[in-house]
């Protein structure tokens, strides 16, 4: 098993078609924590919801994480804290009413990653020759894929592809999805908003993830590729590798 420390990088970009960036991210390498949020709603609500989601989730994890912490309880509780704050702010401010956000977080140890997510931002694990999606989209088209045989290619073009079945701030409570995954010594992690995965197929993402060992450079290359493919949305990525 590799004993190299995990290295992190994250970047965000407004993309080609949008005027405002409603994505946000947070990194805390000392904790092994990476967080991404993709906001939506209101005049400036997306910006506010995403920033609140990252800040409250990250600060809650930093405050409560310790030896022997139940990670499932910690991460889902932190998601709940972010949800409660965004929901309350949305209902207190008319200009922000209806705002919400996705939430995507990874807490990395030497050989495992604990993940929690709400919405359709994704976490991928990459090893040479294979890219594996570790999250399931909380979206209308993911239901169509599971229940009606819609193909992923058809889902990308579906007129209801942006409809989420779960989001931070949309209801009083949220049931964030938690998972724990084993990591091979050569594994690399990618967290991303839909501005990346909707523009690049798995093979393109996988190829870029193994172009060198600098997470900052890899993050920049992924964003550049998404923008070159059309840049239809804000795009945010976080990379973790050893």
Foldseek 3Di string as FASTA:
>chain_A
DDPDQKDKDKDWDFFDADDDQLKDWDDDSVQQKIKIKQKDDFPNQSNVLRVLLRVQLVVQCVVPDDPPDPVVCSNQVSLFRSLQVLLVVLVVDVRNPPMWMKMWMWGDDQWKIKIKIWAAWWKWKADVPDIGTPDQGQAPVSCCCVPVVQDPVNLLVDPRNRGGNTTRNNDNGGRIDIDMGTHDQFMKMKTKDVLQPSQDPPVVLRVLLPPDDDQNVSNVVSSVSSNVSPRNGMMMMMMMGD
